[in-house]
Amino acid sequence: MSAERKAQLLVAYAVLASLALVGAYLLAGGSSYAPAKTQDPCEPRTWRDPGNLEEIAQQFSLSALDGAACELGVTRERLAQALATPESRERFMERYGIDEIELARAVRAGLLRAVDDAEEAGAISPLLGVPLREALRQIPLEEAIELIDDARTLLDNLQTFLGPAQGLLEQFLR
């Protein structure tokens, strides 16, 4: 068999393999692909049983992003991308016609929602909720974004603040 004939057979096999792949894709439902729907950020998110500080911080961040996204009328994923850098934040504000004050208000509202959700899930004590909410109402935008990005430090400091006295205080308040 000549080299030219081998090359022609190789091309024919490649075309057949390509057609078989496309056929298999279509048979598997590939012609009607629709991306997964994102969760509505305004809908309450149920917290899993918070087993450790890392899980609490992750759920706190997701809840805060949901709350802020709901306030702004965008998806949580879009807001998370927007908060990643100052440049992406500027593009986001320009695209949606909001200013830094509106963004800060929404981010603070998201953090407040996260505190409510964390209390409801038993992840933080109601004793800490009140002073935490007051602090979050005044927090600068940059610090609020850092809290959404990594709530672990905040939650760790809160737990350390009360320490062993937390159980005793909760008994007296009941």
Protein backbone atom coordinates (compact mmCIF):
# COMPACT_ATOMS: atom_id res chain seq x y z
CA MET A 1 0.00 0.00 0.00
CA SER A 2 1.35 3.38 -0.97
CA ALA A 3 1.99 6.21 1.45
CA GLU A 4 -0.64 8.30 -0.32
CA ARG A 5 -3.27 5.59 0.13
CA LYS A 6 -2.37 5.23 3.85
CA ALA A 7 -2.82 8.98 4.33
CA GLN A 8 -6.24 8.87 2.64
CA LEU A 9 -7.37 5.99 4.89
CA LEU A 10 -6.11 7.82 7.97
CA VAL A 11 -8.15 10.91 7.01
CA ALA A 12 -11.22 8.75 6.33
CA TYR A 13 -10.93 7.07 9.74
CA ALA A 14 -10.57 10.47 11.45
CA VAL A 15 -13.73 11.73 9.69
CA LEU A 16 -15.66 8.58 10.71
CA ALA A 17 -14.49 8.90 14.32
CA SER A 18 -15.56 12.56 14.37
CA LEU A 19 -19.00 11.70 13.00
CA ALA A 20 -19.39 8.91 15.57
CA LEU A 21 -18.47 11.32 18.37
CA VAL A 22 -21.00 13.91 17.19
CA GLY A 23 -23.67 11.20 16.87
CA ALA A 24 -23.01 9.93 20.40
CA TYR A 25 -23.17 13.49 21.72
CA LEU A 26 -26.55 14.07 20.05
CA LEU A 27 -27.93 10.73 21.28
CA ALA A 28 -26.91 11.63 24.84
CA GLY A 29 -29.05 14.78 24.67
CA GLY A 30 -26.26 17.19 23.78
CA SER A 31 -28.43 19.17 21.39
CA SER A 32 -30.63 20.47 24.19
CA TYR A 33 -28.07 21.54 26.78
CA ALA A 34 -29.23 24.18 29.22
CA PRO A 35 -26.96 25.48 31.96
CA ALA A 36 -27.92 24.72 35.55
CA LYS A 37 -30.12 27.37 37.09
CA THR A 38 -28.48 29.40 39.83
CA GLN A 39 -30.20 29.68 43.19
CA ASP A 40 -32.25 32.80 43.81
CA PRO A 41 -30.18 34.79 46.33
CA CYS A 42 -33.36 36.15 47.93
CA GLU A 43 -34.50 32.65 48.90
CA PRO A 44 -33.36 31.53 52.36
CA ARG A 45 -30.42 29.15 52.31
CA THR A 46 -30.53 26.34 54.83
CA TRP A 47 -27.30 25.96 56.74
CA ARG A 48 -25.80 22.53 57.12
CA ASP A 49 -24.93 21.49 60.65
CA PRO A 50 -21.89 23.68 61.27
CA GLY A 51 -19.26 21.22 62.42
CA ASN A 52 -16.28 23.52 62.67
CA LEU A 53 -15.17 27.10 62.26
CA GLU A 54 -14.20 26.62 58.60
CA GLU A 55 -17.71 25.41 57.69
CA ILE A 56 -19.34 28.20 59.68
CA ALA A 57 -17.16 30.78 57.93
CA GLN A 58 -17.96 29.32 54.50
CA GLN A 59 -21.70 29.34 55.15
CA PHE A 60 -21.49 32.84 56.63
CA SER A 61 -19.77 34.08 53.46
CA LEU A 62 -22.33 32.43 51.18
CA SER A 63 -25.18 33.86 53.21
CA ALA A 64 -23.64 37.34 53.15
CA LEU A 65 -23.14 37.14 49.38
CA ASP A 66 -26.75 35.97 48.94
CA GLY A 67 -28.05 38.85 51.04
CA ALA A 68 -26.02 41.47 49.18
CA ALA A 69 -26.88 39.97 45.78
CA CYS A 70 -30.57 39.99 46.68
CA GLU A 71 -30.37 43.68 47.62
CA LEU A 72 -28.73 44.46 44.27
CA GLY A 73 -30.91 42.16 42.15
CA VAL A 74 -28.01 40.07 40.78
CA THR A 75 -26.83 36.50 41.23
CA ARG A 76 -24.47 35.57 44.04
CA GLU A 77 -21.91 34.39 41.50
CA ARG A 78 -21.95 37.70 39.60
CA LEU A 79 -21.49 39.65 42.84
CA ALA A 80 -18.66 37.39 44.01
CA GLN A 81 -16.83 38.07 40.74
CA ALA A 82 -17.47 41.79 41.09
CA LEU A 83 -16.05 41.95 44.60
CA ALA A 84 -12.87 40.11 43.63
CA THR A 85 -10.87 43.23 42.68
CA PRO A 86 -11.34 46.99 42.79
CA GLU A 87 -11.37 47.03 38.96
CA SER A 88 -14.10 44.40 38.70
CA ARG A 89 -16.06 46.27 41.38
CA GLU A 90 -15.86 49.49 39.33
CA ARG A 91 -17.04 47.69 36.18
CA PHE A 92 -19.91 46.12 38.15
CA MET A 93 -21.05 49.46 39.59
CA GLU A 94 -20.87 51.08 36.17
CA ARG A 95 -22.78 48.25 34.51
CA TYR A 96 -25.58 48.28 37.08
CA GLY A 97 -25.66 52.04 37.61
CA ILE A 98 -24.91 51.99 41.32
CA ASP A 99 -22.44 53.97 43.35
CA GLU A 100 -20.12 52.95 46.17
CA ILE A 101 -22.65 54.00 48.83
CA GLU A 102 -25.32 51.69 47.37
CA LEU A 103 -22.81 48.85 47.08
CA ALA A 104 -21.68 49.35 50.69
CA ARG A 105 -25.31 49.38 51.88
CA ALA A 106 -26.02 46.11 50.05
CA VAL A 107 -22.85 44.43 51.34
CA ARG A 108 -23.67 45.48 54.91
CA ALA A 109 -27.23 44.15 54.48
CA GLY A 110 -25.74 40.87 53.30
CA LEU A 111 -23.51 40.66 56.36
CA LEU A 112 -26.48 41.37 58.63
CA ARG A 113 -28.43 38.59 56.92
CA ALA A 114 -25.48 36.26 57.50
CA VAL A 115 -25.51 37.08 61.22
CA ASP A 116 -29.26 36.32 61.35
CA ASP A 117 -28.73 33.03 59.51
CA ALA A 118 -25.78 32.08 61.72
CA GLU A 119 -27.82 32.75 64.86
CA GLU A 120 -30.76 30.78 63.53
CA ALA A 121 -28.46 27.84 62.71
CA GLY A 122 -26.92 27.97 66.18
CA ALA A 123 -23.51 28.81 64.74
CA ILE A 124 -23.11 31.98 66.80
CA SER A 125 -24.60 32.99 70.10
CA PRO A 126 -27.41 35.55 70.20
CA LEU A 127 -25.26 37.30 72.83
CA LEU A 128 -22.78 38.09 70.10
CA GLY A 129 -25.37 38.92 67.47
CA VAL A 130 -26.35 42.30 68.89
CA PRO A 131 -22.87 43.86 69.14
CA LEU A 132 -21.86 42.23 65.87
CA ARG A 133 -24.80 43.78 64.03
CA GLU A 134 -23.95 47.21 65.44
CA ALA A 135 -20.36 46.88 64.29
CA LEU A 136 -21.41 45.68 60.81
CA ARG A 137 -23.76 48.63 60.32
CA GLN A 138 -20.75 50.98 60.51
CA ILE A 139 -18.06 48.91 58.82
CA PRO A 140 -16.25 50.47 55.81
CA LEU A 141 -16.85 48.84 52.43
CA GLU A 142 -13.33 47.41 52.06
CA GLU A 143 -13.50 45.72 55.45
CA ALA A 144 -17.01 44.43 54.73
CA ILE A 145 -15.77 42.84 51.52
CA GLU A 146 -12.86 41.27 53.40
CA LEU A 147 -15.34 39.80 55.90
CA ILE A 148 -17.37 38.27 53.10
CA ASP A 149 -14.20 36.90 51.57
CA ASP A 150 -12.93 35.39 54.83
CA ALA A 151 -15.25 35.39 57.82
CA ARG A 152 -13.06 32.92 59.68
CA THR A 153 -11.07 35.60 61.52
CA LEU A 154 -14.21 37.42 62.66
CA LEU A 155 -15.89 34.25 63.91
CA ASP A 156 -12.73 33.06 65.63
CA ASN A 157 -12.40 36.41 67.43
CA LEU A 158 -16.05 36.25 68.51
CA GLN A 159 -15.63 32.79 70.00
CA THR A 160 -12.46 33.85 71.79
CA PHE A 161 -14.17 36.99 73.11
CA LEU A 162 -16.70 35.07 75.18
CA GLY A 163 -14.69 31.92 75.70
CA PRO A 164 -15.79 29.78 78.63
CA ALA A 165 -18.14 32.47 79.93
CA GLN A 166 -20.50 32.00 76.98
CA GLY A 167 -22.26 28.94 78.45
CA LEU A 168 -22.67 30.60 81.83
CA LEU A 169 -24.11 33.80 80.34
CA GLU A 170 -26.58 31.86 78.19
CA GLN A 171 -27.84 29.97 81.27
CA PHE A 172 -28.55 33.23 83.12
CA LEU A 173 -30.32 34.79 80.14
CA ARG A 174 -32.66 31.86 79.68
